Amino acid sequence: MSILKVDTINEKTSGNGVAIPGHVVQVVHNTYNTQVQITTTSYTASGLQATITPKLQNSKILIQVKQHLRIQSNYDQGTGFQLRRGSTVIFESATQYDEYHYDGDSSLAMQIRGRRSFDYMDTHNSTSAITYSVYLGLYRTDYASYFYAQEQSNPSQITCWEIAQ
């Protein structure tokens, strides 16, 4: 068995960098706390986004989202999620009730507040800046529904991890 001990690893050819498969190359984190009201079943920007400039063209980007939500309705209500790379949808919930709440009675008001988390691993093939954005769409717009992202300045968070391949 051999042991390799080093204090510094330098790139052999300038500009190529050092990439060890499976290791984190860089991390970009962003927090957003401006309240956004969602009023439609069409996907609407929550305001949460992060921009990362990959150092390696063949790396992958792990996007971790913690989206703050406030859902209030006189009946059931939910939301679907989209993650976009620029204007391209790279992830979309199978339904617009991916996050769903039902109070069982249309005469009672239901209210939920908290953060919904999801992850997505993106294969990007670029060394140009990439912006990832979170979009939300309501399940329904009837029954006096109210839906907010970052309600009362509660922060949402997005973290992008570049992983060498």
C-alpha atoms as a PDB file:
ATOM      1  CA  MET A   1       0.000   0.000   0.000  1.00  0.00           C
ATOM      2  CA  SER A   2       1.229   3.480  -0.885  1.00  0.00           C
ATOM      3  CA  ILE A   3       0.605   6.754   0.885  1.00  0.00           C
ATOM      4  CA  LEU A   4       0.684  10.052  -0.978  1.00  0.00           C
ATOM      5  CA  LYS A   5       1.219  13.120   1.172  1.00  0.00           C
ATOM      6  CA  VAL A   6       1.086  16.605  -0.343  1.00  0.00           C
ATOM      7  CA  ASP A   7       0.717  20.148   0.878  1.00  0.00           C
ATOM      8  CA  THR A   8      -0.322  21.661  -2.458  1.00  0.00           C
ATOM      9  CA  ILE A   9      -1.707  20.393  -5.763  1.00  0.00           C
ATOM     10  CA  ASN A  10      -1.129  22.714  -8.708  1.00  0.00           C
ATOM     11  CA  GLU A  11      -2.494  22.430 -12.224  1.00  0.00           C
ATOM     12  CA  LYS A  12       0.023  21.236 -14.809  1.00  0.00           C
ATOM     13  CA  THR A  13      -1.289  23.431 -17.643  1.00  0.00           C
ATOM     14  CA  SER A  14      -2.415  26.939 -16.743  1.00  0.00           C
ATOM     15  CA  GLY A  15      -6.184  27.394 -17.025  1.00  0.00           C
ATOM     16  CA  ASN A  16      -7.045  23.671 -16.792  1.00  0.00           C
ATOM     17  CA  GLY A  17      -7.620  23.618 -13.034  1.00  0.00           C
ATOM     18  CA  VAL A  18      -7.534  20.547 -10.838  1.00  0.00           C
ATOM     19  CA  ALA A  19     -10.651  18.384 -10.947  1.00  0.00           C
ATOM     20  CA  ILE A  20     -11.070  15.351  -8.716  1.00  0.00           C
ATOM     21  CA  PRO A  21     -14.212  13.396  -9.720  1.00  0.00           C
ATOM     22  CA  GLY A  22     -16.934  13.640  -7.087  1.00  0.00           C
ATOM     23  CA  HIS A  23     -15.441  16.616  -5.309  1.00  0.00           C
ATOM     24  CA  VAL A  24     -16.969  20.049  -4.873  1.00  0.00           C
ATOM     25  CA  VAL A  25     -15.426  22.630  -7.192  1.00  0.00           C
ATOM     26  CA  GLN A  26     -17.376  25.632  -5.860  1.00  0.00           C
ATOM     27  CA  VAL A  27     -20.565  26.565  -4.004  1.00  0.00           C
ATOM     28  CA  VAL A  28     -22.882  29.528  -4.623  1.00  0.00           C
ATOM     29  CA  HIS A  29     -25.602  30.346  -2.084  1.00  0.00           C
ATOM     30  CA  ASN A  30     -28.356  32.943  -2.250  1.00  0.00           C
ATOM     31  CA  THR A  31     -31.111  34.006   0.124  1.00  0.00           C
ATOM     32  CA  TYR A  32     -34.201  35.929  -1.005  1.00  0.00           C
ATOM     33  CA  ASN A  33     -36.760  37.452   1.361  1.00  0.00           C
ATOM     34  CA  THR A  34     -38.961  39.780  -0.715  1.00  0.00           C
ATOM     35  CA  GLN A  35     -42.623  38.784  -0.501  1.00  0.00           C
ATOM     36  CA  VAL A  36     -44.188  37.621  -3.782  1.00  0.00           C
ATOM     37  CA  GLN A  37     -47.916  36.901  -4.129  1.00  0.00           C
ATOM     38  CA  ILE A  38     -48.837  34.106  -6.552  1.00  0.00           C
ATOM     39  CA  THR A  39     -52.347  34.529  -7.995  1.00  0.00           C
ATOM     40  CA  THR A  40     -52.458  32.216 -10.987  1.00  0.00           C
ATOM     41  CA  THR A  41     -52.145  28.573 -11.977  1.00  0.00           C
ATOM     42  CA  SER A  42     -49.505  29.660 -14.499  1.00  0.00           C
ATOM     43  CA  TYR A  43     -45.967  29.293 -13.204  1.00  0.00           C
ATOM     44  CA  THR A  44     -44.761  32.584 -11.706  1.00  0.00           C
ATOM     45  CA  ALA A  45     -41.254  33.553 -10.547  1.00  0.00           C
ATOM     46  CA  SER A  46     -40.880  33.299  -6.778  1.00  0.00           C
ATOM     47  CA  GLY A  47     -37.897  35.667  -6.960  1.00  0.00           C
ATOM     48  CA  LEU A  48     -35.512  32.997  -5.677  1.00  0.00           C
ATOM     49  CA  GLN A  49     -32.520  32.513  -7.974  1.00  0.00           C
ATOM     50  CA  ALA A  50     -28.765  31.997  -8.008  1.00  0.00           C
ATOM     51  CA  THR A  51     -26.098  32.456 -10.673  1.00  0.00           C
ATOM     52  CA  ILE A  52     -23.059  30.210 -10.919  1.00  0.00           C
ATOM     53  CA  THR A  53     -20.252  30.241 -13.490  1.00  0.00           C
ATOM     54  CA  PRO A  54     -19.022  26.644 -13.814  1.00  0.00           C
ATOM     55  CA  LYS A  55     -15.259  26.225 -13.799  1.00  0.00           C
ATOM     56  CA  LEU A  56     -15.530  22.870 -15.596  1.00  0.00           C
ATOM     57  CA  GLN A  57     -17.626  22.206 -18.703  1.00  0.00           C
ATOM     58  CA  ASN A  58     -18.310  18.583 -17.820  1.00  0.00           C
ATOM     59  CA  SER A  59     -19.201  19.100 -14.148  1.00  0.00           C
ATOM     60  CA  LYS A  60     -22.683  18.734 -12.696  1.00  0.00           C
ATOM     61  CA  ILE A  61     -24.534  21.320 -10.648  1.00  0.00           C
ATOM     62  CA  LEU A  62     -26.534  20.171  -7.614  1.00  0.00           C
ATOM     63  CA  ILE A  63     -29.252  22.738  -6.916  1.00  0.00           C
ATOM     64  CA  GLN A  64     -30.807  22.679  -3.443  1.00  0.00           C
ATOM     65  CA  VAL A  65     -33.930  24.778  -2.882  1.00  0.00           C
ATOM     66  CA  LYS A  66     -35.638  25.734   0.376  1.00  0.00           C
ATOM     67  CA  GLN A  67     -38.684  27.722  -0.774  1.00  0.00           C
ATOM     68  CA  HIS A  68     -40.722  29.547   1.880  1.00  0.00           C
ATOM     69  CA  LEU A  69     -44.501  29.260   1.326  1.00  0.00           C
ATOM     70  CA  ARG A  70     -47.667  30.597   2.918  1.00  0.00           C
ATOM     71  CA  ILE A  71     -50.819  28.895   1.678  1.00  0.00           C
ATOM     72  CA  GLN A  72     -54.229  30.041   2.922  1.00  0.00           C
ATOM     73  CA  SER A  73     -57.558  28.906   1.527  1.00  0.00           C
ATOM     74  CA  ASN A  74     -61.163  28.193   2.419  1.00  0.00           C
ATOM     75  CA  TYR A  75     -60.721  24.750   0.874  1.00  0.00           C
ATOM     76  CA  ASP A  76     -57.862  22.610  -0.410  1.00  0.00           C
ATOM     77  CA  GLN A  77     -54.868  24.288  -2.030  1.00  0.00           C
ATOM     78  CA  GLY A  78     -51.473  23.376  -3.370  1.00  0.00           C
ATOM     79  CA  THR A  79     -48.641  24.370  -5.621  1.00  0.00           C
ATOM     80  CA  GLY A  80     -46.337  22.953  -8.239  1.00  0.00           C
ATOM     81  CA  PHE A  81     -42.663  23.832  -8.650  1.00  0.00           C
ATOM     82  CA  GLN A  82     -40.492  24.625 -11.626  1.00  0.00           C
ATOM     83  CA  LEU A  83     -36.735  25.045 -11.743  1.00  0.00           C
ATOM     84  CA  ARG A  84     -35.379  26.928 -14.731  1.00  0.00           C
ATOM     85  CA  ARG A  85     -31.884  27.216 -16.156  1.00  0.00           C
ATOM     86  CA  GLY A  86     -32.162  30.608 -17.833  1.00  0.00           C
ATOM     87  CA  SER A  87     -35.542  30.384 -19.609  1.00  0.00           C
ATOM     88  CA  THR A  88     -35.429  26.573 -19.973  1.00  0.00           C
ATOM     89  CA  VAL A  89     -37.529  24.468 -17.595  1.00  0.00           C
ATOM     90  CA  ILE A  90     -35.256  21.691 -16.294  1.00  0.00           C
ATOM     91  CA  PHE A  91     -37.555  20.405 -13.526  1.00  0.00           C
ATOM     92  CA  GLU A  92     -41.328  20.591 -13.107  1.00  0.00           C
ATOM     93  CA  SER A  93     -43.618  18.951 -10.580  1.00  0.00           C
ATOM     94  CA  ALA A  94     -45.781  16.202 -12.048  1.00  0.00           C
ATOM     95  CA  THR A  95     -48.840  18.096 -10.718  1.00  0.00           C
ATOM     96  CA  GLN A  96     -49.628  21.543  -9.391  1.00  0.00           C
ATOM     97  CA  TYR A  97     -50.406  19.988  -6.070  1.00  0.00           C
ATOM     98  CA  ASP A  98     -46.907  18.686  -5.380  1.00  0.00           C
ATOM     99  CA  GLU A  99     -47.259  20.569  -2.072  1.00  0.00           C
ATOM    100  CA  TYR A 100     -50.917  20.064  -1.115  1.00  0.00           C
ATOM    101  CA  HIS A 101     -53.107  20.750   1.911  1.00  0.00           C
ATOM    102  CA  TYR A 102     -56.734  19.842   2.533  1.00  0.00           C
ATOM    103  CA  ASP A 103     -58.767  20.911   5.555  1.00  0.00           C
ATOM    104  CA  GLY A 104     -61.713  18.610   4.837  1.00  0.00           C
ATOM    105  CA  ASP A 105     -64.398  21.302   4.924  1.00  0.00           C
ATOM    106  CA  SER A 106     -65.022  24.226   2.577  1.00  0.00           C
ATOM    107  CA  SER A 107     -66.395  26.335   5.446  1.00  0.00           C
ATOM    108  CA  LEU A 108     -63.141  26.390   7.419  1.00  0.00           C
ATOM    109  CA  ALA A 109     -60.036  28.374   6.576  1.00  0.00           C
ATOM    110  CA  MET A 110     -56.767  26.481   6.282  1.00  0.00           C
ATOM    111  CA  GLN A 111     -53.356  28.111   6.551  1.00  0.00           C
ATOM    112  CA  ILE A 112     -49.901  26.563   6.167  1.00  0.00           C
ATOM    113  CA  ARG A 113     -46.526  28.297   6.464  1.00  0.00           C
ATOM    114  CA  GLY A 114     -43.091  26.802   6.098  1.00  0.00           C
ATOM    115  CA  ARG A 115     -40.300  25.817   3.731  1.00  0.00           C
ATOM    116  CA  ARG A 116     -40.521  23.204   1.016  1.00  0.00           C
ATOM    117  CA  SER A 117     -37.213  21.660  -0.026  1.00  0.00           C
ATOM    118  CA  PHE A 118     -36.222  19.952  -3.240  1.00  0.00           C
ATOM    119  CA  ASP A 119     -32.977  19.078  -5.018  1.00  0.00           C
ATOM    120  CA  TYR A 120     -32.079  18.733  -8.672  1.00  0.00           C
ATOM    121  CA  MET A 121     -28.847  17.546 -10.348  1.00  0.00           C
ATOM    122  CA  ASP A 122     -28.208  19.448 -13.586  1.00  0.00           C
ATOM    123  CA  THR A 123     -25.920  18.480 -16.470  1.00  0.00           C
ATOM    124  CA  HIS A 124     -25.096  21.852 -18.039  1.00  0.00           C
ATOM    125  CA  ASN A 125     -22.148  21.521 -20.516  1.00  0.00           C
ATOM    126  CA  SER A 126     -21.057  25.161 -20.099  1.00  0.00           C
ATOM    127  CA  THR A 127     -18.460  27.467 -18.543  1.00  0.00           C
ATOM    128  CA  SER A 128     -20.662  30.542 -18.971  1.00  0.00           C
ATOM    129  CA  ALA A 129     -22.759  32.029 -16.168  1.00  0.00           C
ATOM    130  CA  ILE A 130     -25.937  30.025 -15.473  1.00  0.00           C
ATOM    131  CA  THR A 131     -28.914  31.414 -13.554  1.00  0.00           C
ATOM    132  CA  TYR A 132     -31.235  28.957 -11.814  1.00  0.00           C
ATOM    133  CA  SER A 133     -34.689  30.314 -10.852  1.00  0.00           C
ATOM    134  CA  VAL A 134     -37.631  28.879  -8.913  1.00  0.00           C
ATOM    135  CA  TYR A 135     -41.220  29.252 -10.209  1.00  0.00           C
ATOM    136  CA  LEU A 136     -44.497  28.405  -8.449  1.00  0.00           C
ATOM    137  CA  GLY A 137     -48.004  27.740  -9.787  1.00  0.00           C
ATOM    138  CA  LEU A 138     -51.256  27.434  -7.824  1.00  0.00           C
ATOM    139  CA  TYR A 139     -53.398  24.300  -7.857  1.00  0.00           C
ATOM    140  CA  ARG A 140     -56.580  26.423  -7.929  1.00  0.00           C
ATOM    141  CA  THR A 141     -57.605  30.093  -7.769  1.00  0.00           C
ATOM    142  CA  ASP A 142     -61.135  29.794  -6.356  1.00  0.00           C
ATOM    143  CA  TYR A 143     -62.234  29.527  -2.690  1.00  0.00           C
ATOM    144  CA  ALA A 144     -60.581  32.772  -1.539  1.00  0.00           C
ATOM    145  CA  SER A 145     -57.064  31.406  -1.828  1.00  0.00           C
ATOM    146  CA  TYR A 146     -53.990  33.365  -0.788  1.00  0.00           C
ATOM    147  CA  PHE A 147     -50.525  32.181  -1.685  1.00  0.00           C
ATOM    148  CA  TYR A 148     -47.205  33.884  -0.956  1.00  0.00           C
ATOM    149  CA  ALA A 149     -43.531  33.128  -1.360  1.00  0.00           C
ATOM    150  CA  GLN A 150     -41.271  34.714   1.286  1.00  0.00           C
ATOM    151  CA  GLU A 151     -44.347  36.030   3.135  1.00  0.00           C
ATOM    152  CA  GLN A 152     -43.481  38.651   5.780  1.00  0.00           C
ATOM    153  CA  SER A 153     -39.814  38.568   4.670  1.00  0.00           C
ATOM    154  CA  ASN A 154     -39.328  34.906   5.602  1.00  0.00           C
ATOM    155  CA  PRO A 155     -36.280  33.922   3.549  1.00  0.00           C
ATOM    156  CA  SER A 156     -36.032  31.279   0.860  1.00  0.00           C
ATOM    157  CA  GLN A 157     -32.648  29.794  -0.007  1.00  0.00           C
ATOM    158  CA  ILE A 158     -30.961  28.277  -3.044  1.00  0.00           C
ATOM    159  CA  THR A 159     -27.539  26.614  -3.092  1.00  0.00           C
ATOM    160  CA  CYS A 160     -25.682  25.516  -6.224  1.00  0.00           C
ATOM    161  CA  TRP A 161     -22.861  22.983  -5.817  1.00  0.00           C
ATOM    162  CA  GLU A 162     -20.525  22.416  -8.765  1.00  0.00           C
ATOM    163  CA  ILE A 163     -19.352  18.786  -8.633  1.00  0.00           C
ATOM    164  CA  ALA A 164     -16.375  17.574 -10.718  1.00  0.00           C
ATOM    165  CA  GLN A 165     -16.979  14.492 -12.883  1.00  0.00           C
END
